[in-house]
PDB file of N, CA and C in Angstrom:
ATOM      1  N   MET A   1     -10.348-106.396  68.180  1.00  0.00           N
ATOM      2  CA  MET A   1     -10.173-105.467  69.284  1.00  0.00           C
ATOM      3  C   MET A   1      -9.070-105.999  70.199  1.00  0.00           C
ATOM      4  N   LEU A   2      -8.193-105.127  70.630  1.00  0.00           N
ATOM      5  CA  LEU A   2      -7.078-105.498  71.479  1.00  0.00           C
ATOM      6  C   LEU A   2      -7.384-105.129  72.921  1.00  0.00           C
ATOM      7  N   SER A   3      -6.836-105.870  73.839  1.00  0.00           N
ATOM      8  CA  SER A   3      -7.019-105.558  75.256  1.00  0.00           C
ATOM      9  C   SER A   3      -6.297-104.255  75.588  1.00  0.00           C
ATOM     10  N   ASN A   4      -7.001-103.343  76.232  1.00  0.00           N
ATOM     11  CA  ASN A   4      -6.433-102.029  76.541  1.00  0.00           C
ATOM     12  C   ASN A   4      -5.430-102.050  77.681  1.00  0.00           C
ATOM     13  N   SER A   5      -5.580-102.923  78.625  1.00  0.00           N
ATOM     14  CA  SER A   5      -4.801-102.857  79.850  1.00  0.00           C
ATOM     15  C   SER A   5      -3.280-102.814  79.637  1.00  0.00           C
ATOM     16  N   PRO A   6      -2.670-103.743  78.905  1.00  0.00           N
ATOM     17  CA  PRO A   6      -1.216-103.652  78.713  1.00  0.00           C
ATOM     18  C   PRO A   6      -0.800-102.388  77.960  1.00  0.00           C
ATOM     19  N   PHE A   7      -1.622-101.958  77.005  1.00  0.00           N
ATOM     20  CA  PHE A   7      -1.307-100.734  76.273  1.00  0.00           C
ATOM     21  C   PHE A   7      -1.341 -99.527  77.195  1.00  0.00           C
ATOM     22  N   ASN A   8      -2.362 -99.451  78.034  1.00  0.00           N
ATOM     23  CA  ASN A   8      -2.454 -98.334  78.978  1.00  0.00           C
ATOM     24  C   ASN A   8      -1.266 -98.330  79.929  1.00  0.00           C
ATOM     25  N   ALA A   9      -0.892 -99.504  80.418  1.00  0.00           N
ATOM     26  CA  ALA A   9       0.258 -99.602  81.325  1.00  0.00           C
ATOM     27  C   ALA A   9       1.538 -99.155  80.628  1.00  0.00           C
ATOM     28  N   MET A  10       1.704 -99.559  79.371  1.00  0.00           N
ATOM     29  CA  MET A  10       2.887 -99.151  78.616  1.00  0.00           C
ATOM     30  C   MET A  10       2.912 -97.637  78.416  1.00  0.00           C
ATOM     31  N   GLU A  11       1.753 -97.073  78.089  1.00  0.00           N
ATOM     32  CA  GLU A  11       1.698 -95.629  77.853  1.00  0.00           C
ATOM     33  C   GLU A  11       1.951 -94.841  79.138  1.00  0.00           C
ATOM     34  N   GLU A  12       1.377 -95.284  80.238  1.00  0.00           N
ATOM     35  CA  GLU A  12       1.578 -94.582  81.509  1.00  0.00           C
ATOM     36  C   GLU A  12       3.039 -94.656  81.956  1.00  0.00           C
ATOM     37  N   ALA A  13       3.614 -95.845  81.888  1.00  0.00           N
ATOM     38  CA  ALA A  13       5.015 -96.001  82.296  1.00  0.00           C
ATOM     39  C   ALA A  13       5.943 -95.258  81.339  1.00  0.00           C
ATOM     40  N   GLY A  14       5.640 -95.311  80.056  1.00  0.00           N
ATOM     41  CA  GLY A  14       6.457 -94.602  79.072  1.00  0.00           C
ATOM     42  C   GLY A  14       6.430 -93.100  79.273  1.00  0.00           C
ATOM     43  N   THR A  15       5.256 -92.574  79.584  1.00  0.00           N
ATOM     44  CA  THR A  15       5.139 -91.146  79.876  1.00  0.00           C
ATOM     45  C   THR A  15       5.951 -90.793  81.115  1.00  0.00           C
ATOM     46  N   ALA A  16       5.926 -91.664  82.107  1.00  0.00           N
ATOM     47  CA  ALA A  16       6.727 -91.441  83.318  1.00  0.00           C
ATOM     48  C   ALA A  16       8.219 -91.430  82.985  1.00  0.00           C
ATOM     49  N   VAL A  17       8.661 -92.348  82.135  1.00  0.00           N
ATOM     50  CA  VAL A  17      10.071 -92.391  81.729  1.00  0.00           C
ATOM     51  C   VAL A  17      10.468 -91.077  81.055  1.00  0.00           C
ATOM     52  N   LEU A  18       9.633 -90.615  80.135  1.00  0.00           N
ATOM     53  CA  LEU A  18       9.953 -89.370  79.432  1.00  0.00           C
ATOM     54  C   LEU A  18       9.982 -88.182  80.383  1.00  0.00           C
ATOM     55  N   THR A  19       9.059 -88.151  81.326  1.00  0.00           N
ATOM     56  CA  THR A  19       9.009 -87.064  82.304  1.00  0.00           C
ATOM     57  C   THR A  19      10.233 -87.091  83.212  1.00  0.00           C
ATOM     58  N   LEU A  20      10.579 -88.269  83.695  1.00  0.00           N
ATOM     59  CA  LEU A  20      11.724 -88.405  84.603  1.00  0.00           C
ATOM     60  C   LEU A  20      13.043 -88.002  83.959  1.00  0.00           C
ATOM     61  N   THR A  21      13.163 -88.252  82.676  1.00  0.00           N
ATOM     62  CA  THR A  21      14.456 -88.069  82.011  1.00  0.00           C
ATOM     63  C   THR A  21      14.510 -86.837  81.110  1.00  0.00           C
ATOM     64  N   GLU A  22      13.436 -86.075  81.084  1.00  0.00           N
ATOM     65  CA  GLU A  22      13.389 -84.894  80.217  1.00  0.00           C
ATOM     66  C   GLU A  22      14.541 -83.938  80.536  1.00  0.00           C
ATOM     67  N   GLY A  23      15.264 -83.572  79.495  1.00  0.00           N
ATOM     68  CA  GLY A  23      16.343 -82.605  79.645  1.00  0.00           C
ATOM     69  C   GLY A  23      17.639 -83.149  80.219  1.00  0.00           C
ATOM     70  N   LEU A  24      17.664 -84.418  80.585  1.00  0.00           N
ATOM     71  CA  LEU A  24      18.884 -84.992  81.163  1.00  0.00           C
ATOM     72  C   LEU A  24      19.823 -85.497  80.074  1.00  0.00           C
ATOM     73  N   GLU A  25      21.097 -85.284  80.290  1.00  0.00           N
ATOM     74  CA  GLU A  25      22.119 -85.904  79.459  1.00  0.00           C
ATOM     75  C   GLU A  25      22.445 -87.260  80.086  1.00  0.00           C
ATOM     76  N   LYS A  26      23.103 -88.111  79.320  1.00  0.00           N
ATOM     77  CA  LYS A  26      23.407 -89.462  79.790  1.00  0.00           C
ATOM     78  C   LYS A  26      24.143 -89.448  81.127  1.00  0.00           C
ATOM     79  N   GLU A  27      25.145 -88.616  81.256  1.00  0.00           N
ATOM     80  CA  GLU A  27      25.941 -88.576  82.483  1.00  0.00           C
ATOM     81  C   GLU A  27      25.091 -88.152  83.685  1.00  0.00           C
ATOM     82  N   GLU A  28      24.206 -87.177  83.470  1.00  0.00           N
ATOM     83  CA  GLU A  28      23.319 -86.722  84.549  1.00  0.00           C
ATOM     84  C   GLU A  28      22.374 -87.841  84.971  1.00  0.00           C
ATOM     85  N   PHE A  29      21.821 -88.525  83.983  1.00  0.00           N
ATOM     86  CA  PHE A  29      20.909 -89.631  84.263  1.00  0.00           C
ATOM     87  C   PHE A  29      21.612 -90.721  85.065  1.00  0.00           C
ATOM     88  N   LEU A  30      22.780 -91.112  84.615  1.00  0.00           N
ATOM     89  CA  LEU A  30      23.502 -92.200  85.279  1.00  0.00           C
ATOM     90  C   LEU A  30      23.981 -91.809  86.671  1.00  0.00           C
ATOM     91  N   ALA A  31      24.215 -90.533  86.895  1.00  0.00           N
ATOM     92  CA  ALA A  31      24.677 -90.065  88.203  1.00  0.00           C
ATOM     93  C   ALA A  31      23.542 -89.925  89.217  1.00  0.00           C
ATOM     94  N   SER A  32      22.310 -89.871  88.737  1.00  0.00           N
ATOM     95  CA  SER A  32      21.168 -89.678  89.631  1.00  0.00           C
ATOM     96  C   SER A  32      20.592 -91.028  90.042  1.00  0.00           C
ATOM     97  N   ARG A  33      20.962 -91.462  91.225  1.00  0.00           N
ATOM     98  CA  ARG A  33      20.542 -92.781  91.708  1.00  0.00           C
ATOM     99  C   ARG A  33      19.022 -92.915  91.767  1.00  0.00           C
ATOM    100  N   LEU A  34      18.340 -91.904  92.275  1.00  0.00           N
ATOM    101  CA  LEU A  34      16.883 -91.982  92.422  1.00  0.00           C
ATOM    102  C   LEU A  34      16.169 -91.958  91.076  1.00  0.00           C
ATOM    103  N   THR A  35      16.584 -91.056  90.201  1.00  0.00           N
ATOM    104  CA  THR A  35      15.964 -90.980  88.872  1.00  0.00           C
ATOM    105  C   THR A  35      16.216 -92.264  88.104  1.00  0.00           C
ATOM    106  N   ARG A  36      17.420 -92.748  88.184  1.00  0.00           N
ATOM    107  CA  ARG A  36      17.768 -93.983  87.479  1.00  0.00           C
ATOM    108  C   ARG A  36      16.942 -95.165  88.000  1.00  0.00           C
ATOM    109  N   ALA A  37      16.797 -95.275  89.308  1.00  0.00           N
ATOM    110  CA  ALA A  37      16.030 -96.385  89.891  1.00  0.00           C
ATOM    111  C   ALA A  37      14.562 -96.316  89.486  1.00  0.00           C
ATOM    112  N   GLU A  38      13.980 -95.135  89.534  1.00  0.00           N
ATOM    113  CA  GLU A  38      12.561 -95.011  89.168  1.00  0.00           C
ATOM    114  C   GLU A  38      12.366 -95.218  87.668  1.00  0.00           C
ATOM    115  N   THR A  39      13.287 -94.736  86.875  1.00  0.00           N
ATOM    116  CA  THR A  39      13.209 -94.950  85.427  1.00  0.00           C
ATOM    117  C   THR A  39      13.313 -96.437  85.119  1.00  0.00           C
ATOM    118  N   ARG A  40      14.228 -97.113  85.777  1.00  0.00           N
ATOM    119  CA  ARG A  40      14.378 -98.562  85.605  1.00  0.00           C
ATOM    120  C   ARG A  40      13.084 -99.281  85.957  1.00  0.00           C
ATOM    121  N   ARG A  41      12.446 -98.873  87.061  1.00  0.00           N
ATOM    122  CA  ARG A  41      11.185 -99.486  87.485  1.00  0.00           C
ATOM    123  C   ARG A  41      10.097 -99.272  86.427  1.00  0.00           C
ATOM    124  N   GLN A  42      10.018 -98.078  85.892  1.00  0.00           N
ATOM    125  CA  GLN A  42       9.012 -97.781  84.868  1.00  0.00           C
ATOM    126  C   GLN A  42       9.295 -98.552  83.576  1.00  0.00           C
ATOM    127  N   LEU A  43      10.559 -98.672  83.211  1.00  0.00           N
ATOM    128  CA  LEU A  43      10.910 -99.460  82.027  1.00  0.00           C
ATOM    129  C   LEU A  43      10.561-100.928  82.231  1.00  0.00           C
ATOM    130  N   ARG A  44      10.730-101.415  83.437  1.00  0.00           N
ATOM    131  CA  ARG A  44      10.359-102.813  83.721  1.00  0.00           C
ATOM    132  C   ARG A  44       8.849-102.998  83.595  1.00  0.00           C
ATOM    133  N   LEU A  45       8.072-102.009  84.041  1.00  0.00           N
ATOM    134  CA  LEU A  45       6.616-102.075  83.855  1.00  0.00           C
ATOM    135  C   LEU A  45       6.266-102.116  82.370  1.00  0.00           C
ATOM    136  N   MET A  46       6.945-101.310  81.586  1.00  0.00           N
ATOM    137  CA  MET A  46       6.701-101.313  80.141  1.00  0.00           C
ATOM    138  C   MET A  46       7.054-102.663  79.527  1.00  0.00           C
ATOM    139  N   SER A  47       8.209-103.200  79.897  1.00  0.00           N
ATOM    140  CA  SER A  47       8.641-104.466  79.295  1.00  0.00           C
ATOM    141  C   SER A  47       7.723-105.613  79.700  1.00  0.00           C
ATOM    142  N   ARG A  48       7.310-105.643  80.947  1.00  0.00           N
ATOM    143  CA  ARG A  48       6.390-106.698  81.390  1.00  0.00           C
ATOM    144  C   ARG A  48       5.055-106.594  80.668  1.00  0.00           C
ATOM    145  N   SER A  49       4.567-105.378  80.486  1.00  0.00           N
ATOM    146  CA  SER A  49       3.305-105.179  79.767  1.00  0.00           C
ATOM    147  C   SER A  49       3.439-105.613  78.314  1.00  0.00           C
ATOM    148  N   ALA A  50       4.564-105.296  77.694  1.00  0.00           N
ATOM    149  CA  ALA A  50       4.799-105.695  76.306  1.00  0.00           C
ATOM    150  C   ALA A  50       4.774-107.211  76.167  1.00  0.00           C
ATOM    151  N   LEU A  51       5.321-107.903  77.164  1.00  0.00           N
ATOM    152  CA  LEU A  51       5.370-109.363  77.108  1.00  0.00           C
ATOM    153  C   LEU A  51       4.015-110.012  77.362  1.00  0.00           C
ATOM    154  N   LEU A  52       3.076-109.264  77.926  1.00  0.00           N
ATOM    155  CA  LEU A  52       1.727-109.796  78.130  1.00  0.00           C
ATOM    156  C   LEU A  52       0.939-109.894  76.829  1.00  0.00           C
ATOM    157  N   LEU A  53       1.353-109.141  75.837  1.00  0.00           N
ATOM    158  CA  LEU A  53       0.644-109.121  74.558  1.00  0.00           C
ATOM    159  C   LEU A  53       1.030-110.338  73.722  1.00  0.00           C
ATOM    160  N   SER A  54       0.080-110.848  72.990  1.00  0.00           N
ATOM    161  CA  SER A  54       0.290-112.072  72.211  1.00  0.00           C
ATOM    162  C   SER A  54       1.179-111.825  70.992  1.00  0.00           C
ATOM    163  N   PRO A  55       1.760-112.890  70.458  1.00  0.00           N
ATOM    164  CA  PRO A  55       2.536-112.763  69.218  1.00  0.00           C
ATOM    165  C   PRO A  55       1.692-112.205  68.067  1.00  0.00           C
ATOM    166  N   GLU A  56       0.403-112.496  68.075  1.00  0.00           N
ATOM    167  CA  GLU A  56      -0.479-111.967  67.033  1.00  0.00           C
ATOM    168  C   GLU A  56      -0.561-110.444  67.113  1.00  0.00           C
ATOM    169  N   ILE A  57      -0.655-109.924  68.324  1.00  0.00           N
ATOM    170  CA  ILE A  57      -0.691-108.471  68.502  1.00  0.00           C
ATOM    171  C   ILE A  57       0.657-107.874  68.121  1.00  0.00           C
ATOM    172  N   HIS A  58       1.723-108.531  68.501  1.00  0.00           N
ATOM    173  CA  HIS A  58       3.055-108.057  68.110  1.00  0.00           C
ATOM    174  C   HIS A  58       3.158-107.975  66.588  1.00  0.00           C
ATOM    175  N   ALA A  59       2.596-108.956  65.889  1.00  0.00           N
ATOM    176  CA  ALA A  59       2.641-108.944  64.423  1.00  0.00           C
ATOM    177  C   ALA A  59       1.803-107.804  63.849  1.00  0.00           C
ATOM    178  N   LEU A  60       0.657-107.522  64.465  1.00  0.00           N
ATOM    179  CA  LEU A  60      -0.193-106.418  63.997  1.00  0.00           C
ATOM    180  C   LEU A  60       0.490-105.064  64.174  1.00  0.00           C
ATOM    181  N   LEU A  61       1.213-104.912  65.253  1.00  0.00           N
ATOM    182  CA  LEU A  61       1.887-103.655  65.579  1.00  0.00           C
ATOM    183  C   LEU A  61       3.383-103.833  65.322  1.00  0.00           C
ATOM    184  N   ALA A  62       3.707-104.157  64.089  1.00  0.00           N
ATOM    185  CA  ALA A  62       5.050-104.611  63.724  1.00  0.00           C
ATOM    186  C   ALA A  62       6.136-103.550  63.862  1.00  0.00           C
ATOM    187  N   GLU A  63       5.778-102.273  63.838  1.00  0.00           N
ATOM    188  CA  GLU A  63       6.796-101.227  63.934  1.00  0.00           C
ATOM    189  C   GLU A  63       7.381-101.098  65.338  1.00  0.00           C
ATOM    190  N   ILE A  64       6.678-101.614  66.337  1.00  0.00           N
ATOM    191  CA  ILE A  64       7.186-101.562  67.708  1.00  0.00           C
ATOM    192  C   ILE A  64       8.262-102.636  67.875  1.00  0.00           C
ATOM    193  N   ASP A  65       9.324-102.292  68.553  1.00  0.00           N
ATOM    194  CA  ASP A  65      10.462-103.202  68.743  1.00  0.00           C
ATOM    195  C   ASP A  65      10.180-104.173  69.896  1.00  0.00           C
ATOM    196  N   TRP A  66       9.348-105.169  69.626  1.00  0.00           N
ATOM    197  CA  TRP A  66       8.967-106.140  70.660  1.00  0.00           C
ATOM    198  C   TRP A  66      10.169-106.946  71.125  1.00  0.00           C
ATOM    199  N   GLU A  67      11.074-107.253  70.220  1.00  0.00           N
ATOM    200  CA  GLU A  67      12.285-107.993  70.597  1.00  0.00           C
ATOM    201  C   GLU A  67      13.142-107.150  71.542  1.00  0.00           C
ATOM    202  N   GLY A  68      13.198-105.866  71.296  1.00  0.00           N
ATOM    203  CA  GLY A  68      13.918-104.968  72.196  1.00  0.00           C
ATOM    204  C   GLY A  68      13.333-104.987  73.596  1.00  0.00           C
ATOM    205  N   TRP A  69      11.999-105.020  73.687  1.00  0.00           N
ATOM    206  CA  TRP A  69      11.349-105.087  75.005  1.00  0.00           C
ATOM    207  C   TRP A  69      11.625-106.417  75.689  1.00  0.00           C
ATOM    208  N   ARG A  70      11.667-107.502  74.910  1.00  0.00           N
ATOM    209  CA  ARG A  70      11.959-108.816  75.489  1.00  0.00           C
ATOM    210  C   ARG A  70      13.381-108.844  76.056  1.00  0.00           C
ATOM    211  N   ILE A  71      14.321-108.333  75.284  1.00  0.00           N
ATOM    212  CA  ILE A  71      15.716-108.309  75.731  1.00  0.00           C
ATOM    213  C   ILE A  71      15.866-107.427  76.964  1.00  0.00           C
ATOM    214  N   LEU A  72      15.241-106.253  76.937  1.00  0.00           N
ATOM    215  CA  LEU A  72      15.317-105.356  78.090  1.00  0.00           C
ATOM    216  C   LEU A  72      14.741-106.031  79.327  1.00  0.00           C
ATOM    217  N   ASP A  73      13.608-106.691  79.179  1.00  0.00           N
ATOM    218  CA  ASP A  73      12.987-107.364  80.320  1.00  0.00           C
ATOM    219  C   ASP A  73      13.915-108.428  80.898  1.00  0.00           C
ATOM    220  N   GLN A  74      14.535-109.205  80.029  1.00  0.00           N
ATOM    221  CA  GLN A  74      15.468-110.238  80.499  1.00  0.00           C
ATOM    222  C   GLN A  74      16.640-109.631  81.257  1.00  0.00           C
ATOM    223  N   ARG A  75      17.207-108.568  80.725  1.00  0.00           N
ATOM    224  CA  ARG A  75      18.356-107.932  81.376  1.00  0.00           C
ATOM    225  C   ARG A  75      17.965-107.300  82.704  1.00  0.00           C
ATOM    226  N   LEU A  76      16.797-106.671  82.752  1.00  0.00           N
ATOM    227  CA  LEU A  76      16.354-106.046  83.995  1.00  0.00           C
ATOM    228  C   LEU A  76      16.022-107.094  85.051  1.00  0.00           C
ATOM    229  N   ALA A  77      15.572-108.265  84.623  1.00  0.00           N
ATOM    230  CA  ALA A  77      15.241-109.336  85.562  1.00  0.00           C
ATOM    231  C   ALA A  77      16.495-109.960  86.169  1.00  0.00           C
ATOM    232  N   ILE A  78      17.568-109.971  85.423  1.00  0.00           N
ATOM    233  CA  ILE A  78      18.807-110.605  85.872  1.00  0.00           C
ATOM    234  C   ILE A  78      19.514-109.773  86.929  1.00  0.00           C
ATOM    235  N   SER A  79      19.485-108.471  86.764  1.00  0.00           N
ATOM    236  CA  SER A  79      20.293-107.616  87.630  1.00  0.00           C
ATOM    237  C   SER A  79      19.570-106.322  87.954  1.00  0.00           C
ATOM    238  N   ASP A  80      19.757-105.859  89.177  1.00  0.00           N
ATOM    239  CA  ASP A  80      19.230-104.553  89.550  1.00  0.00           C
ATOM    240  C   ASP A  80      20.018-103.441  88.878  1.00  0.00           C
ATOM    241  N   LYS A  81      21.183-103.781  88.405  1.00  0.00           N
ATOM    242  CA  LYS A  81      22.019-102.776  87.756  1.00  0.00           C
ATOM    243  C   LYS A  81      22.224-103.183  86.296  1.00  0.00           C
ATOM    244  N   ALA A  82      21.243-102.850  85.478  1.00  0.00           N
ATOM    245  CA  ALA A  82      21.353-103.146  84.053  1.00  0.00           C
ATOM    246  C   ALA A  82      22.470-102.288  83.460  1.00  0.00           C
ATOM    247  N   GLU A  83      22.960-102.709  82.337  1.00  0.00           N
ATOM    248  CA  GLU A  83      24.027-101.978  81.670  1.00  0.00           C
ATOM    249  C   GLU A  83      23.601-100.536  81.410  1.00  0.00           C
ATOM    250  N   ASP A  84      24.528 -99.613  81.648  1.00  0.00           N
ATOM    251  CA  ASP A  84      24.245 -98.196  81.440  1.00  0.00           C
ATOM    252  C   ASP A  84      23.771 -97.911  80.019  1.00  0.00           C
ATOM    253  N   THR A  85      24.451 -98.487  79.051  1.00  0.00           N
ATOM    254  CA  THR A  85      24.111 -98.245  77.652  1.00  0.00           C
ATOM    255  C   THR A  85      22.715 -98.749  77.332  1.00  0.00           C
ATOM    256  N   LEU A  86      22.362 -99.896  77.872  1.00  0.00           N
ATOM    257  CA  LEU A  86      21.038-100.463  77.636  1.00  0.00           C
ATOM    258  C   LEU A  86      19.942 -99.574  78.216  1.00  0.00           C
ATOM    259  N   LEU A  87      20.126 -99.121  79.443  1.00  0.00           N
ATOM    260  CA  LEU A  87      19.134 -98.228  80.048  1.00  0.00           C
ATOM    261  C   LEU A  87      18.993 -96.942  79.247  1.00  0.00           C
ATOM    262  N   TRP A  88      20.113 -96.364  78.868  1.00  0.00           N
ATOM    263  CA  TRP A  88      20.064 -95.102  78.135  1.00  0.00           C
ATOM    264  C   TRP A  88      19.406 -95.296  76.772  1.00  0.00           C
ATOM    265  N   LEU A  89      19.674 -96.401  76.110  1.00  0.00           N
ATOM    266  CA  LEU A  89      19.033 -96.704  74.829  1.00  0.00           C
ATOM    267  C   LEU A  89      17.520 -96.828  75.001  1.00  0.00           C
ATOM    268  N   ALA A  90      17.102 -97.478  76.067  1.00  0.00           N
ATOM    269  CA  ALA A  90      15.664 -97.610  76.333  1.00  0.00           C
ATOM    270  C   ALA A  90      15.030 -96.251  76.600  1.00  0.00           C
ATOM    271  N   VAL A  91      15.742 -95.391  77.335  1.00  0.00           N
ATOM    272  CA  VAL A  91      15.234 -94.053  77.661  1.00  0.00           C
ATOM    273  C   VAL A  91      15.123 -93.187  76.412  1.00  0.00           C
ATOM    274  N   ARG A  92      16.133 -93.234  75.563  1.00  0.00           N
ATOM    275  CA  ARG A  92      16.189 -92.325  74.424  1.00  0.00           C
ATOM    276  C   ARG A  92      15.576 -92.872  73.142  1.00  0.00           C
ATOM    277  N   ALA A  93      15.420 -94.179  73.025  1.00  0.00           N
ATOM    278  CA  ALA A  93      14.902 -94.728  71.771  1.00  0.00           C
ATOM    279  C   ALA A  93      13.715 -95.664  71.972  1.00  0.00           C
ATOM    280  N   LEU A  94      13.893 -96.707  72.747  1.00  0.00           N
ATOM    281  CA  LEU A  94      12.861 -97.737  72.848  1.00  0.00           C
ATOM    282  C   LEU A  94      11.547 -97.199  73.404  1.00  0.00           C
ATOM    283  N   ALA A  95      11.592 -96.522  74.531  1.00  0.00           N
ATOM    284  CA  ALA A  95      10.358 -95.997  75.134  1.00  0.00           C
ATOM    285  C   ALA A  95       9.703 -94.922  74.267  1.00  0.00           C
ATOM    286  N   PRO A  96      10.434 -93.888  73.812  1.00  0.00           N
ATOM    287  CA  PRO A  96       9.774 -92.865  72.996  1.00  0.00           C
ATOM    288  C   PRO A  96       9.237 -93.402  71.670  1.00  0.00           C
ATOM    289  N   ASP A  97       9.994 -94.292  71.022  1.00  0.00           N
ATOM    290  CA  ASP A  97       9.518 -94.864  69.763  1.00  0.00           C
ATOM    291  C   ASP A  97       8.252 -95.687  69.972  1.00  0.00           C
ATOM    292  N   THR A  98       8.221 -96.450  71.050  1.00  0.00           N
ATOM    293  CA  THR A  98       7.036 -97.261  71.353  1.00  0.00           C
ATOM    294  C   THR A  98       5.829 -96.374  71.604  1.00  0.00           C
ATOM    295  N   LEU A  99       5.994 -95.327  72.388  1.00  0.00           N
ATOM    296  CA  LEU A  99       4.881 -94.404  72.643  1.00  0.00           C
ATOM    297  C   LEU A  99       4.382 -93.768  71.353  1.00  0.00           C
ATOM    298  N   MET A 100       5.306 -93.367  70.496  1.00  0.00           N
ATOM    299  CA  MET A 100       4.911 -92.764  69.226  1.00  0.00           C
ATOM    300  C   MET A 100       4.073 -93.736  68.398  1.00  0.00           C
ATOM    301  N   TRP A 101       4.526 -94.985  68.287  1.00  0.00           N
ATOM    302  CA  TRP A 101       3.795 -95.955  67.481  1.00  0.00           C
ATOM    303  C   TRP A 101       2.450 -96.312  68.100  1.00  0.00           C
ATOM    304  N   LEU A 102       2.371 -96.392  69.416  1.00  0.00           N
ATOM    305  CA  LEU A 102       1.075 -96.657  70.044  1.00  0.00           C
ATOM    306  C   LEU A 102       0.090 -95.538  69.733  1.00  0.00           C
ATOM    307  N   ARG A 103       0.549 -94.301  69.735  1.00  0.00           N
ATOM    308  CA  ARG A 103      -0.325 -93.168  69.386  1.00  0.00           C
ATOM    309  C   ARG A 103      -0.768 -93.248  67.930  1.00  0.00           C
ATOM    310  N   VAL A 104       0.157 -93.596  67.044  1.00  0.00           N
ATOM    311  CA  VAL A 104      -0.182 -93.742  65.626  1.00  0.00           C
ATOM    312  C   VAL A 104      -1.232 -94.832  65.453  1.00  0.00           C
ATOM    313  N   TYR A 105      -1.016 -95.975  66.080  1.00  0.00           N
ATOM    314  CA  TYR A 105      -1.981 -97.069  65.957  1.00  0.00           C
ATOM    315  C   TYR A 105      -3.338 -96.693  66.541  1.00  0.00           C
ATOM    316  N   ARG A 106      -3.358 -96.012  67.686  1.00  0.00           N
ATOM    317  CA  ARG A 106      -4.631 -95.573  68.281  1.00  0.00           C
ATOM    318  C   ARG A 106      -5.386 -94.646  67.340  1.00  0.00           C
ATOM    319  N   LYS A 107      -4.647 -93.774  66.662  1.00  0.00           N
ATOM    320  CA  LYS A 107      -5.281 -92.825  65.745  1.00  0.00           C
ATOM    321  C   LYS A 107      -5.780 -93.519  64.482  1.00  0.00           C
ATOM    322  N   ASN A 108      -4.954 -94.378  63.907  1.00  0.00           N
ATOM    323  CA  ASN A 108      -5.278 -95.005  62.626  1.00  0.00           C
ATOM    324  C   ASN A 108      -6.145 -96.250  62.742  1.00  0.00           C
ATOM    325  N   GLN A 109      -6.107 -96.914  63.888  1.00  0.00           N
ATOM    326  CA  GLN A 109      -6.882 -98.142  64.102  1.00  0.00           C
ATOM    327  C   GLN A 109      -7.616 -98.060  65.436  1.00  0.00           C
ATOM    328  N   PRO A 110      -8.472 -97.072  65.638  1.00  0.00           N
ATOM    329  CA  PRO A 110      -9.095 -96.892  66.957  1.00  0.00           C
ATOM    330  C   PRO A 110      -9.907 -98.106  67.412  1.00  0.00           C
ATOM    331  N   GLU A 111     -10.409 -98.867  66.465  1.00  0.00           N
ATOM    332  CA  GLU A 111     -11.203-100.046  66.834  1.00  0.00           C
ATOM    333  C   GLU A 111     -10.367-101.078  67.588  1.00  0.00           C
ATOM    334  N   TRP A 112      -9.069-101.086  67.391  1.00  0.00           N
ATOM    335  CA  TRP A 112      -8.207-102.020  68.109  1.00  0.00           C
ATOM    336  C   TRP A 112      -8.127-101.699  69.594  1.00  0.00           C
ATOM    337  N   PHE A 113      -8.416-100.461  69.953  1.00  0.00           N
ATOM    338  CA  PHE A 113      -8.197 -99.997  71.320  1.00  0.00           C
ATOM    339  C   PHE A 113      -9.483 -99.691  72.077  1.00  0.00           C
ATOM    340  N   LYS A 114     -10.626-100.018  71.493  1.00  0.00           N
ATOM    341  CA  LYS A 114     -11.896 -99.747  72.171  1.00  0.00           C
ATOM    342  C   LYS A 114     -12.052-100.641  73.382  1.00  0.00           C
ATOM    343  N   GLU A 115     -12.582-100.045  74.449  1.00  0.00           N
ATOM    344  CA  GLU A 115     -12.865-100.795  75.683  1.00  0.00           C
ATOM    345  C   GLU A 115     -14.088-101.677  75.460  1.00  0.00           C
ATOM    346  N   ASP A 116     -14.076-102.849  76.096  1.00  0.00           N
ATOM    347  CA  ASP A 116     -15.277-103.687  76.090  1.00  0.00           C
ATOM    348  C   ASP A 116     -16.320-103.035  76.976  1.00  0.00           C
ATOM    349  N   ASN A 117     -17.543-103.044  76.526  1.00  0.00           N
ATOM    350  CA  ASN A 117     -18.630-102.462  77.333  1.00  0.00           C
ATOM    351  C   ASN A 117     -19.301-103.499  78.175  1.00  0.00           C
TER     352      ASN A 117
END
């Protein structure tokens, strides 16, 4: 059984990222200071949550790009203004792919996500 807390945090922040950026093109996203700042904050929550999970869990959920989350976390920690390309890649690929795989794992391995009673 896996701890639910980091997964829930990743799913909530990921959903926020998708909601914030829905329908936006790259130029629109980069031009919107408020949307970009909040999206960056949500991505940082996702990356921090991903890093809370053990290497064993990362190995079990191998389709998720854990290395991508580690790199994103490092870049976001260094600067308030992460590279435009990196942010956009996280918005369009890393976050949605991670959410998709978490849903697949929850469906196929529900015992991994059961809450402790």
